[in-house]
């Protein structure tokens, strides 16, 4: 599996835990802050929970 495929599958898998709106917002924030790793997106989601 390529790195890109793994990233995409990991990102798609996050929808099981987070709503579409939260996931989209986290991805938008990641783009704005130039976060290019799945771990960074997960971190954004975890910090924004609660």
N, C-alpha and C. Protein backbone atom coordinates (compact mmCIF):
# COMPACT_ATOMS: atom_id res chain seq x y z
N UNK A 1 0.85 -1.17 0.00
CA UNK A 1 0.00 0.00 0.00
C UNK A 1 0.90 1.24 0.00
N UNK A 2 0.56 2.19 -0.82
CA UNK A 2 1.36 3.42 -0.88
C UNK A 2 1.03 4.32 0.31
N UNK A 3 1.90 5.28 0.55
CA UNK A 3 1.67 6.23 1.65
C UNK A 3 0.40 7.04 1.42
N UNK A 4 0.17 7.40 0.17
CA UNK A 4 -1.02 8.19 -0.16
C UNK A 4 -2.29 7.38 0.10
N UNK A 5 -2.27 6.13 -0.30
CA UNK A 5 -3.43 5.26 -0.08
C UNK A 5 -3.68 5.09 1.41
N UNK A 6 -2.62 4.87 2.17
CA UNK A 6 -2.75 4.73 3.62
C UNK A 6 -3.31 5.98 4.27
N UNK A 7 -2.85 7.15 3.81
CA UNK A 7 -3.36 8.41 4.34
C UNK A 7 -4.85 8.55 4.05
N UNK A 8 -5.23 8.28 2.82
CA UNK A 8 -6.64 8.41 2.44
C UNK A 8 -7.53 7.44 3.22
N UNK A 9 -7.08 6.21 3.36
CA UNK A 9 -7.87 5.23 4.12
C UNK A 9 -7.97 5.64 5.59
N UNK A 10 -6.89 6.14 6.15
CA UNK A 10 -6.91 6.61 7.53
C UNK A 10 -7.87 7.77 7.72
N UNK A 11 -7.85 8.68 6.77
CA UNK A 11 -8.75 9.84 6.82
C UNK A 11 -10.20 9.40 6.71
N UNK A 12 -10.48 8.50 5.80
CA UNK A 12 -11.84 7.99 5.65
C UNK A 12 -12.29 7.23 6.90
N UNK A 13 -11.37 6.58 7.56
CA UNK A 13 -11.69 5.81 8.76
C UNK A 13 -12.07 6.72 9.93
N UNK A 14 -11.61 7.97 9.92
CA UNK A 14 -11.92 8.89 11.01
C UNK A 14 -13.42 9.22 11.08
N UNK A 15 -14.15 9.01 9.98
CA UNK A 15 -15.58 9.33 10.01
C UNK A 15 -16.35 8.42 10.96
N UNK A 16 -15.74 7.31 11.36
CA UNK A 16 -16.40 6.41 12.32
C UNK A 16 -16.46 7.03 13.71
N UNK A 17 -15.53 7.92 14.00
CA UNK A 17 -15.46 8.52 15.33
C UNK A 17 -15.95 9.97 15.35
N UNK A 18 -15.79 10.67 14.23
CA UNK A 18 -16.11 12.10 14.18
C UNK A 18 -17.16 12.39 13.12
N UNK A 19 -17.95 13.41 13.35
CA UNK A 19 -18.98 13.79 12.38
C UNK A 19 -18.34 14.36 11.11
N UNK A 20 -19.12 14.38 10.07
CA UNK A 20 -18.66 14.92 8.79
C UNK A 20 -18.25 16.39 8.95
N UNK A 21 -19.03 17.14 9.70
CA UNK A 21 -18.74 18.56 9.89
C UNK A 21 -17.42 18.76 10.63
N UNK A 22 -17.20 17.97 11.70
CA UNK A 22 -15.95 18.09 12.47
C UNK A 22 -14.75 17.68 11.63
N UNK A 23 -14.91 16.61 10.86
CA UNK A 23 -13.81 16.13 10.03
C UNK A 23 -13.47 17.15 8.94
N UNK A 24 -14.49 17.71 8.32
CA UNK A 24 -14.25 18.75 7.30
C UNK A 24 -13.59 19.97 7.91
N UNK A 25 -14.02 20.39 9.09
CA UNK A 25 -13.42 21.55 9.75
C UNK A 25 -11.96 21.27 10.11
N UNK A 26 -11.68 20.08 10.58
CA UNK A 26 -10.30 19.71 10.93
C UNK A 26 -9.42 19.70 9.69
N UNK A 27 -9.94 19.19 8.59
CA UNK A 27 -9.17 19.16 7.34
C UNK A 27 -8.93 20.58 6.83
N UNK A 28 -9.92 21.44 6.94
CA UNK A 28 -9.76 22.83 6.52
C UNK A 28 -8.70 23.52 7.38
N UNK A 29 -8.73 23.27 8.68
CA UNK A 29 -7.72 23.84 9.57
C UNK A 29 -6.33 23.29 9.24
N UNK A 30 -6.26 22.01 8.95
CA UNK A 30 -4.98 21.40 8.59
C UNK A 30 -4.40 22.04 7.33
N UNK A 31 -5.24 22.28 6.34
CA UNK A 31 -4.77 22.94 5.12
C UNK A 31 -4.29 24.35 5.42
N UNK A 32 -5.05 25.07 6.24
CA UNK A 32 -4.70 26.45 6.56
C UNK A 32 -3.38 26.55 7.31
N UNK A 33 -3.12 25.58 8.17
CA UNK A 33 -1.90 25.60 9.00
C UNK A 33 -0.80 24.70 8.43
N UNK A 34 -1.02 24.20 7.24
CA UNK A 34 -0.06 23.35 6.52
C UNK A 34 0.33 22.11 7.31
N UNK A 35 -0.66 21.44 7.85
CA UNK A 35 -0.47 20.15 8.51
C UNK A 35 -0.70 19.08 7.46
N UNK A 36 0.32 18.28 7.19
CA UNK A 36 0.25 17.33 6.09
C UNK A 36 0.22 15.87 6.53
N UNK A 37 0.07 15.61 7.83
CA UNK A 37 0.09 14.24 8.32
C UNK A 37 -1.24 13.88 8.99
N UNK A 38 -1.59 12.62 8.89
CA UNK A 38 -2.82 12.13 9.51
C UNK A 38 -2.79 12.35 11.02
N UNK A 39 -1.64 12.16 11.63
CA UNK A 39 -1.51 12.38 13.07
C UNK A 39 -1.84 13.82 13.44
N UNK A 40 -1.50 14.75 12.58
CA UNK A 40 -1.81 16.16 12.82
C UNK A 40 -3.31 16.42 12.77
N UNK A 41 -3.99 15.79 11.84
CA UNK A 41 -5.44 15.94 11.74
C UNK A 41 -6.12 15.31 12.95
N UNK A 42 -5.63 14.15 13.36
CA UNK A 42 -6.17 13.51 14.57
C UNK A 42 -5.97 14.41 15.78
N UNK A 43 -4.82 15.04 15.87
CA UNK A 43 -4.53 15.95 16.98
C UNK A 43 -5.50 17.13 16.99
N UNK A 44 -5.76 17.68 15.83
CA UNK A 44 -6.72 18.78 15.72
C UNK A 44 -8.09 18.32 16.22
N UNK A 45 -8.51 17.15 15.81
CA UNK A 45 -9.81 16.62 16.22
C UNK A 45 -9.86 16.38 17.72
N UNK A 46 -8.81 15.83 18.29
CA UNK A 46 -8.79 15.53 19.72
C UNK A 46 -8.77 16.79 20.56
N UNK A 47 -8.04 17.80 20.13
CA UNK A 47 -7.96 19.06 20.89
C UNK A 47 -9.27 19.82 20.84
N UNK A 48 -10.04 19.61 19.81
CA UNK A 48 -11.31 20.33 19.64
C UNK A 48 -12.49 19.57 20.24
N UNK A 49 -12.24 18.41 20.83
CA UNK A 49 -13.36 17.64 21.40
C UNK A 49 -13.63 18.09 22.81
N UNK A 50 -14.79 18.60 23.05
CA UNK A 50 -15.12 18.98 24.40
C UNK A 50 -15.20 20.41 24.54
